[in-house]
Amino acid sequence: MIGRRLLPVLLLAACRAAPLAPEARWPAGSGLDARTLLVDGTRIRYVDTGAGPAVVLIHGFAASMYAWRHTIGPLAAAGYRVVAFDDRGFGFSSKPDTGYSNAGYVRLVVALLDSLRIQDAVLVGHSMGGEIAAEVALTQPERVRALALLDAAGLEVHWGFLLRAARWRMVGSIASGLRTRGVTARVLRSMYADPAKVTESDVDQYYAPVAEPDYGRALKGVLREYRFDALRGRLSAIQVPTLLLWGTDDRLIPPAVGRHMAAELPRAAFVLVPRAGHAAPEEQPDAVNHLLLTFLKEGLPTVPENLAAARTYSGSGNPGSNPGGATHPLCGRRSEVAATLAFLLAPSSVCFSQRCAGSASTRSCHTRRKRVPSNTGSATLNKSKESLTKPS
């Protein structure tokens, strides 16, 4: 059965399209300049733009900094220094034989911060990049001002057939060699709620690094060394304010996983992005950028504890209704701490409540806003609101 399913894809492997010429690779034509830097023994390709508090964008598995093409400009224009990079083994950064463990990726991020003289940053991670960002917050809390985790790995991943096959020891070498443009397009479109939104240019940009000779070796290295469930039992130790954004139609890491993460994180908010699959920053960039900027400007100084309500972004700057009448994870607990997305609301509309279900007498969950305490383990969180929102 497995052989019959793989055979059509194997036949396609003999027909690899020519990748983009180096001068056509993103960020060509974007106004940004790609640079290279030797970081932790790896030649890293990155962009660094804007001025102000640092925001570092970490892409996901088999992606590159192209995944942040819709995010970099708006964040930089809003007064932030934005750094995005091709992680080790991906994009056009080096693809060594080893260095693909969770600890290896954490070391690389910290070394990148050191190399760019960034004392602390807001880490924004998508998919595998979200897990890496969270692990940096666990091991180096003084370097992380806040987290934004977008469709993040760390607890579980529902791998599609091709990616499952690449992880199987018997056929992994074959499957990781299926690096045609057609396979790239198929996998990329499966990450969207609406596959029609993936353009031919998007496929070209994703396929360009995939076609490189060392890409298969790097892919096998990640699948062999990296643990995509390494945050299990560890999230409660993360004390920085955390925003979780999740595509409503994410099939790779479903929203239920994000809700689980939010319930375990001490100070987190969970927001659903409608009509988005796993690639929410690419499929619904306006919604994601609005929520990220609102979090950066309003959420960090005022984020309350235990904020884990599942709300759906309505596009107006306010969270919408809780779909399906989902019960807030804290409603069944003794804690009186409410959980709404008050810090994501406009100042004029911060008053709303959610009903708690599942008890004999239904009661209201009310918002309790408080400033970030000074004993969170990160000295950078003691900075004033002005230092969080204005260029330094």
Protein backbone atom coordinates (compact mmCIF):
# COMPACT_ATOMS: atom_id res chain seq x y z
CA MET A 1 0.00 0.00 0.00
CA ILE A 2 2.78 2.39 0.95
CA GLY A 3 4.61 1.53 -2.25
CA ARG A 4 1.58 2.30 -4.40
CA ARG A 5 1.12 5.67 -2.70
CA LEU A 6 4.78 6.61 -3.07
CA LEU A 7 5.22 5.41 -6.65
CA PRO A 8 3.58 8.40 -8.39
CA VAL A 9 5.65 10.79 -6.33
CA LEU A 10 8.83 8.83 -6.98
CA LEU A 11 8.22 9.13 -10.71
CA LEU A 12 8.00 12.89 -10.34
CA ALA A 13 11.41 12.99 -8.65
CA ALA A 14 13.11 12.52 -11.98
CA CYS A 15 11.62 15.79 -13.27
CA ARG A 16 13.10 18.59 -11.21
CA ALA A 17 12.49 22.09 -12.44
CA ALA A 18 15.30 24.62 -12.54
CA PRO A 19 15.26 26.77 -9.39
CA LEU A 20 15.28 30.56 -9.32
CA ALA A 21 18.50 32.30 -10.20
CA PRO A 22 20.28 33.78 -7.15
CA GLU A 23 19.44 37.33 -8.20
CA ALA A 24 15.71 36.48 -8.18
CA ARG A 25 15.64 35.04 -4.69
CA TRP A 26 13.73 36.96 -2.05
CA PRO A 27 14.28 39.67 -0.77
CA ALA A 28 15.08 40.77 -4.32
CA GLY A 29 12.66 43.53 -5.29
CA SER A 30 11.43 44.06 -1.73
CA GLY A 31 13.71 46.96 -0.82
CA LEU A 32 15.43 44.80 1.79
CA ASP A 33 19.01 43.57 1.62
CA ALA A 34 20.02 40.02 2.54
CA ARG A 35 23.21 39.76 4.54
CA THR A 36 25.26 36.82 5.79
CA LEU A 37 26.88 36.29 9.16
CA LEU A 38 28.80 33.41 10.73
CA VAL A 39 26.77 32.40 13.79
CA ASP A 40 27.61 29.40 16.00
CA GLY A 41 29.63 27.90 13.16
CA THR A 42 26.82 28.34 10.61
CA ARG A 43 26.68 30.86 7.79
CA ILE A 44 23.31 32.55 8.38
CA ARG A 45 21.41 34.61 5.78
CA TYR A 46 19.29 37.33 7.34
CA VAL A 47 17.65 40.73 7.01
CA ASP A 48 17.85 43.46 9.64
CA THR A 49 15.69 46.54 9.19
CA GLY A 50 14.01 49.28 11.21
CA ALA A 51 14.94 50.93 14.49
CA GLY A 52 13.56 50.46 17.97
CA PRO A 53 12.90 47.51 20.29
CA ALA A 54 14.04 44.29 18.63
CA VAL A 55 11.62 41.76 17.20
CA VAL A 56 13.17 38.53 15.90
CA LEU A 57 11.13 36.39 13.50
CA ILE A 58 11.83 32.62 13.46
CA HIS A 59 10.33 30.64 10.58
CA GLY A 60 9.08 27.08 10.68
CA PHE A 61 10.11 23.68 9.38
CA ALA A 62 11.20 23.61 5.72
CA ALA A 63 10.53 27.33 5.33
CA SER A 64 12.75 30.41 5.21
CA MET A 65 12.58 34.10 6.03
CA TYR A 66 10.39 34.43 2.91
CA ALA A 67 7.57 33.26 5.20
CA TRP A 68 7.77 36.67 6.92
CA ARG A 69 7.62 38.74 3.71
CA HIS A 70 4.28 40.28 4.74
CA THR A 71 5.33 40.87 8.36
CA ILE A 72 8.75 42.52 8.24
CA GLY A 73 7.71 45.81 6.62
CA PRO A 74 4.68 46.62 8.82
CA LEU A 75 6.60 45.88 12.04
CA ALA A 76 9.58 47.98 10.96
CA ALA A 77 7.28 50.85 9.89
CA ALA A 78 5.63 50.75 13.32
CA GLY A 79 8.92 51.51 15.10
CA TYR A 80 10.65 48.19 15.67
CA ARG A 81 13.98 46.73 14.67
CA VAL A 82 13.02 43.55 12.82
CA VAL A 83 15.38 40.64 12.23
CA ALA A 84 14.40 37.62 10.13
CA PHE A 85 16.77 34.86 9.10
CA ASP A 86 17.05 31.53 7.33
CA ASP A 87 17.57 29.06 10.14
CA ARG A 88 20.28 26.42 10.05
CA GLY A 89 19.53 23.87 7.33
CA PHE A 90 16.83 25.95 5.66
CA GLY A 91 16.60 28.70 3.09
CA PHE A 92 20.05 29.74 1.94
CA SER A 93 21.85 29.40 5.26
CA SER A 94 24.46 26.67 5.72
CA LYS A 95 23.36 23.05 5.85
CA PRO A 96 25.94 21.21 7.96
CA ASP A 97 25.94 17.52 8.87
CA THR A 98 24.85 18.15 12.47
CA GLY A 99 23.47 20.86 14.73
CA TYR A 100 19.76 20.20 14.26
CA SER A 101 18.85 19.36 17.86
CA ASN A 102 16.55 21.58 19.91
CA ALA A 103 19.49 22.76 21.99
CA GLY A 104 21.47 23.49 18.82
CA TYR A 105 18.76 25.78 17.46
CA VAL A 106 18.46 27.56 20.82
CA ARG A 107 22.22 28.20 20.85
CA LEU A 108 22.03 29.58 17.34
CA VAL A 109 19.28 32.09 18.21
CA VAL A 110 21.15 33.30 21.30
CA ALA A 111 24.39 33.55 19.30
CA LEU A 112 22.55 35.55 16.63
CA LEU A 113 21.31 37.98 19.29
CA ASP A 114 24.89 38.31 20.55
CA SER A 115 26.30 38.83 17.05
CA LEU A 116 23.75 41.55 16.28
CA ARG A 117 24.25 43.12 19.74
CA ILE A 118 20.63 42.63 20.72
CA GLN A 119 20.35 42.45 24.49
CA ASP A 120 16.76 41.26 24.52
CA ALA A 121 13.99 40.83 21.99
CA VAL A 122 10.42 39.85 21.38
CA LEU A 123 10.64 36.46 19.70
CA VAL A 124 7.97 35.68 17.12
CA GLY A 125 8.03 32.05 16.02
CA HIS A 126 5.93 30.11 13.54
CA SER A 127 5.50 26.32 13.72
CA MET A 128 8.92 24.81 14.55
CA GLY A 129 10.15 28.39 15.04
CA GLY A 130 7.57 28.86 17.79
CA GLU A 131 8.96 25.90 19.67
CA ILE A 132 12.49 27.25 19.27
CA ALA A 133 11.38 30.67 20.56
CA ALA A 134 9.71 29.09 23.60
CA GLU A 135 12.82 27.05 24.36
CA VAL A 136 14.94 30.21 24.25
CA ALA A 137 12.54 31.75 26.78
CA LEU A 138 12.98 28.70 29.00
CA THR A 139 16.77 28.58 28.88
CA GLN A 140 17.61 32.29 28.49
CA PRO A 141 14.66 34.21 30.02
CA GLU A 142 16.69 37.39 30.41
CA ARG A 143 17.03 37.60 26.61
CA VAL A 144 13.30 37.34 25.85
CA ARG A 145 11.00 40.32 26.38
CA ALA A 146 7.89 38.50 25.17
CA LEU A 147 6.77 35.68 22.90
CA ALA A 148 4.38 35.43 19.99
CA LEU A 149 3.77 31.82 18.99
CA LEU A 150 2.00 31.27 15.68
CA ASP A 151 0.64 27.77 14.98
CA ALA A 152 3.54 26.58 17.10
CA ALA A 153 5.05 23.12 17.45
CA GLY A 154 6.11 21.84 20.85
CA LEU A 155 3.30 19.51 21.91
CA GLU A 156 2.20 17.56 18.84
CA VAL A 157 2.21 17.73 15.05
CA HIS A 158 -0.23 15.95 12.74
CA TRP A 159 2.16 15.16 9.91
CA GLY A 160 0.84 14.79 6.37
CA PHE A 161 1.70 11.65 4.44
CA LEU A 162 4.79 12.98 2.66
CA LEU A 163 6.22 14.44 5.86
CA ARG A 164 5.39 11.27 7.79
CA ALA A 165 7.19 9.25 5.14
CA ALA A 166 10.24 11.48 5.44
CA ARG A 167 10.40 10.59 9.14
CA TRP A 168 10.25 6.83 8.59
CA ARG A 169 13.66 5.20 8.92
CA MET A 170 13.11 2.75 6.07
CA VAL A 171 11.99 5.27 3.44
CA GLY A 172 13.21 8.54 4.92
CA SER A 173 16.18 8.81 2.58
CA ILE A 174 13.93 8.31 -0.43
CA ALA A 175 11.17 10.59 0.79
CA SER A 176 13.55 13.40 1.71
CA GLY A 177 14.88 13.17 -1.85
CA LEU A 178 11.45 13.95 -3.30
CA ARG A 179 12.33 17.58 -3.72
CA THR A 180 10.61 18.48 -6.95
CA ARG A 181 8.80 21.71 -7.60
CA GLY A 182 5.54 19.78 -7.83
CA VAL A 183 5.98 18.20 -4.41
CA THR A 184 6.98 21.58 -2.98
CA ALA A 185 3.80 23.13 -4.39
CA ARG A 186 1.66 20.30 -3.03
CA VAL A 187 3.05 20.60 0.49
CA LEU A 188 2.88 24.40 0.47
CA ARG A 189 -0.75 24.47 -0.66
CA SER A 190 -1.67 21.95 2.04
CA MET A 191 -0.60 24.56 4.61
CA TYR A 192 -3.31 27.01 3.46
CA ALA A 193 -7.03 27.00 4.18
CA ASP A 194 -7.45 28.28 0.62
CA PRO A 195 -4.77 26.65 -1.56
CA ALA A 196 -5.64 29.04 -4.41
CA LYS A 197 -3.89 31.81 -2.47
CA VAL A 198 -0.51 30.17 -3.12
CA THR A 199 0.96 31.86 -6.19
CA GLU A 200 3.45 30.46 -8.68
CA SER A 201 5.93 33.00 -7.34
CA ASP A 202 5.43 31.59 -3.83
CA VAL A 203 6.16 28.10 -5.11
CA ASP A 204 9.28 29.36 -6.90
CA GLN A 205 10.60 31.00 -3.74
CA TYR A 206 9.93 27.93 -1.58
CA TYR A 207 11.39 25.60 -4.18
CA ALA A 208 14.62 27.57 -4.69
CA PRO A 209 16.41 26.32 -1.53
CA VAL A 210 14.76 22.89 -1.74
CA ALA A 211 16.58 22.26 -5.01
CA GLU A 212 20.00 22.79 -3.46
CA PRO A 213 22.16 19.63 -3.21
CA ASP A 214 22.59 19.76 0.59
CA TYR A 215 18.93 20.37 1.36
CA GLY A 216 18.04 16.67 1.59
CA ARG A 217 20.85 16.06 4.06
CA ALA A 218 19.71 18.97 6.21
CA LEU A 219 16.09 17.82 6.09
CA LYS A 220 17.09 14.35 7.27
CA GLY A 221 19.21 15.93 10.00
CA VAL A 222 16.26 17.91 11.36
CA LEU A 223 13.90 14.93 11.21
CA ARG A 224 16.51 12.77 12.94
CA GLU A 225 17.63 15.15 15.69
CA TYR A 226 14.82 17.61 16.39
CA ARG A 227 12.01 16.87 18.85
CA PHE A 228 8.74 18.52 17.89
CA ASP A 229 7.14 17.72 21.28
CA ALA A 230 9.88 19.03 23.57
CA LEU A 231 7.63 21.57 25.35
CA ARG A 232 5.49 18.94 27.04
CA GLY A 233 5.40 19.57 30.77
CA ARG A 234 7.59 22.68 30.49
CA LEU A 235 5.29 25.54 29.43
CA SER A 236 4.33 26.54 32.97
CA ALA A 237 7.91 27.73 33.53
CA ILE A 238 7.63 30.43 30.85
CA GLN A 239 6.89 33.71 32.63
CA VAL A 240 7.03 36.25 29.80
CA PRO A 241 3.82 37.61 28.21
CA THR A 242 2.87 35.28 25.38
CA LEU A 243 0.49 35.74 22.46
CA LEU A 244 -0.67 32.61 20.63
CA LEU A 245 -2.17 33.09 17.16
CA TRP A 246 -3.71 30.08 15.41
CA GLY A 247 -5.30 29.52 12.04
CA THR A 248 -8.84 28.19 12.44
CA ASP A 249 -8.18 25.66 9.68
CA ASP A 250 -4.72 24.50 10.70
CA ARG A 251 -4.62 20.74 10.06
CA LEU A 252 -0.92 20.25 10.80
CA ILE A 253 -1.14 21.60 14.36
CA PRO A 254 -4.87 22.02 15.12
CA PRO A 255 -6.19 24.88 17.28
CA ALA A 256 -6.88 22.44 20.12
CA VAL A 257 -3.10 22.16 20.54
CA GLY A 258 -2.82 25.93 20.83
CA ARG A 259 -5.58 26.01 23.45
CA HIS A 260 -3.70 23.40 25.42
CA MET A 261 -0.55 25.51 25.25
CA ALA A 262 -2.42 28.63 26.37
CA ALA A 263 -3.94 26.81 29.32
CA GLU A 264 -0.48 25.74 30.52
CA LEU A 265 1.28 29.07 30.01
CA PRO A 266 1.02 31.32 33.10
CA ARG A 267 0.52 34.56 31.13
CA ALA A 268 -0.79 33.96 27.64
CA ALA A 269 -3.59 34.87 25.26
CA PHE A 270 -4.93 32.65 22.49
CA VAL A 271 -6.53 34.16 19.38
CA LEU A 272 -7.95 32.33 16.38
CA VAL A 273 -7.28 33.77 12.92
CA PRO A 274 -10.27 32.96 10.66
CA ARG A 275 -9.84 31.44 7.22
CA ALA A 276 -6.20 30.58 7.84
CA GLY A 277 -4.47 27.23 7.75
CA HIS A 278 -1.05 26.45 9.20
CA ALA A 279 0.59 29.35 7.35
CA ALA A 280 -1.43 32.10 9.06
CA PRO A 281 1.22 34.87 8.65
CA GLU A 282 1.23 34.28 4.89
CA GLU A 283 -2.44 33.53 4.29
CA GLN A 284 -3.97 36.24 6.51
CA PRO A 285 -1.14 38.76 6.93
CA ASP A 286 -3.33 41.80 7.69
CA ALA A 287 -5.04 40.07 10.61
CA VAL A 288 -1.80 38.62 11.95
CA ASN A 289 0.09 41.92 11.65
CA HIS A 290 -2.72 43.83 13.38
CA LEU A 291 -2.72 41.40 16.30
CA LEU A 292 1.07 41.35 16.58
CA LEU A 293 1.28 45.15 16.60
CA THR A 294 -1.54 45.47 19.11
CA PHE A 295 0.27 42.99 21.35
CA LEU A 296 3.57 44.84 20.99
CA LYS A 297 2.07 48.26 21.68
CA GLU A 298 -0.69 47.46 24.19
CA GLY A 299 -0.23 43.96 25.48
CA LEU A 300 3.22 43.93 27.00
CA PRO A 301 2.74 46.61 29.65
CA THR A 302 -0.76 45.45 30.67
CA VAL A 303 -0.95 41.72 30.05
CA PRO A 304 -2.69 39.97 32.96
CA GLU A 305 -1.88 36.55 34.31
CA ASN A 306 -3.63 33.37 33.20
CA LEU A 307 -5.08 34.91 30.05
CA ALA A 308 -6.02 31.93 27.93
CA ALA A 309 -9.44 32.56 26.43
CA ALA A 310 -10.00 31.32 22.91
CA ARG A 311 -11.33 34.19 20.83
CA THR A 312 -11.68 34.66 17.11
CA TYR A 313 -10.23 37.77 15.51
CA SER A 314 -13.01 39.72 13.83
CA GLY A 315 -10.86 42.11 11.84
CA SER A 316 -12.03 45.19 13.76
CA GLY A 317 -9.31 45.15 16.39
CA ASN A 318 -11.56 43.29 18.81
CA PRO A 319 -11.77 39.58 19.43
CA GLY A 320 -15.02 38.11 18.24
CA SER A 321 -17.15 35.47 19.84
CA ASN A 322 -15.83 32.29 21.32
CA PRO A 323 -16.76 29.78 18.61
CA GLY A 324 -18.87 26.86 19.66
CA GLY A 325 -19.35 28.26 23.13
CA ALA A 326 -16.03 26.82 24.23
CA THR A 327 -15.59 26.89 27.97
CA HIS A 328 -12.65 28.88 29.22
CA PRO A 329 -9.96 26.58 30.65
CA LEU A 330 -9.94 28.48 33.94
CA CYS A 331 -13.69 28.44 34.55
CA GLY A 332 -13.54 25.13 36.35
CA ARG A 333 -10.73 26.29 38.65
CA ARG A 334 -10.89 28.17 41.90
CA SER A 335 -8.90 31.07 40.55
CA GLU A 336 -10.95 34.26 40.22
CA VAL A 337 -8.56 35.54 37.56
CA ALA A 338 -10.63 36.24 34.46
CA ALA A 339 -9.48 35.49 31.01
CA THR A 340 -10.51 37.67 28.19
CA LEU A 341 -8.43 39.33 25.57
CA ALA A 342 -8.72 42.73 27.20
CA PHE A 343 -5.17 43.70 26.38
CA LEU A 344 -5.84 43.11 22.69
CA LEU A 345 -8.88 45.39 22.68
CA ALA A 346 -8.96 49.06 21.90
CA PRO A 347 -8.91 51.15 25.10
CA SER A 348 -12.50 52.23 24.55
CA SER A 349 -13.83 48.70 24.42
CA VAL A 350 -12.06 46.70 27.08
CA CYS A 351 -15.17 45.80 29.02
CA PHE A 352 -16.71 42.48 28.21
CA SER A 353 -17.10 39.19 29.99
CA GLN A 354 -17.41 35.53 29.18
CA ARG A 355 -19.83 33.17 30.85
CA CYS A 356 -18.37 30.14 32.56
CA ALA A 357 -20.22 26.91 31.96
CA GLY A 358 -20.08 23.50 33.57
CA SER A 359 -21.07 24.42 37.11
CA ALA A 360 -24.33 24.32 38.98
CA SER A 361 -24.51 28.08 39.09
CA THR A 362 -23.13 29.77 35.99
CA ARG A 363 -20.99 32.73 36.93
CA SER A 364 -19.26 35.49 35.01
CA CYS A 365 -15.56 35.63 34.27
CA HIS A 366 -14.46 39.26 34.63
CA THR A 367 -11.37 40.93 33.32
CA ARG A 368 -8.62 41.79 35.75
CA ARG A 369 -5.93 43.87 34.16
CA LYS A 370 -2.60 44.24 35.89
CA ARG A 371 0.82 45.44 34.99
CA VAL A 372 3.60 42.98 34.37
CA PRO A 373 5.11 42.17 37.79
CA SER A 374 8.75 42.92 38.41
CA ASN A 375 9.62 39.42 39.62
CA THR A 376 9.10 37.57 36.35
CA GLY A 377 12.70 36.56 35.94
CA SER A 378 13.31 38.99 33.08
CA ALA A 379 14.65 42.39 34.02
CA THR A 380 13.65 43.76 30.66
CA LEU A 381 9.97 43.50 31.61
CA ASN A 382 10.46 46.24 34.18
CA LYS A 383 10.90 48.78 31.40
CA SER A 384 8.31 51.46 30.96
CA LYS A 385 5.58 51.36 28.33
CA GLU A 386 7.39 54.07 26.44
CA SER A 387 10.54 51.96 26.10
CA LEU A 388 8.46 49.08 24.79
CA THR A 389 6.70 51.06 22.10
CA LYS A 390 9.09 53.76 20.98
CA PRO A 391 12.40 53.48 19.15
CA SER A 392 15.38 53.49 21.44
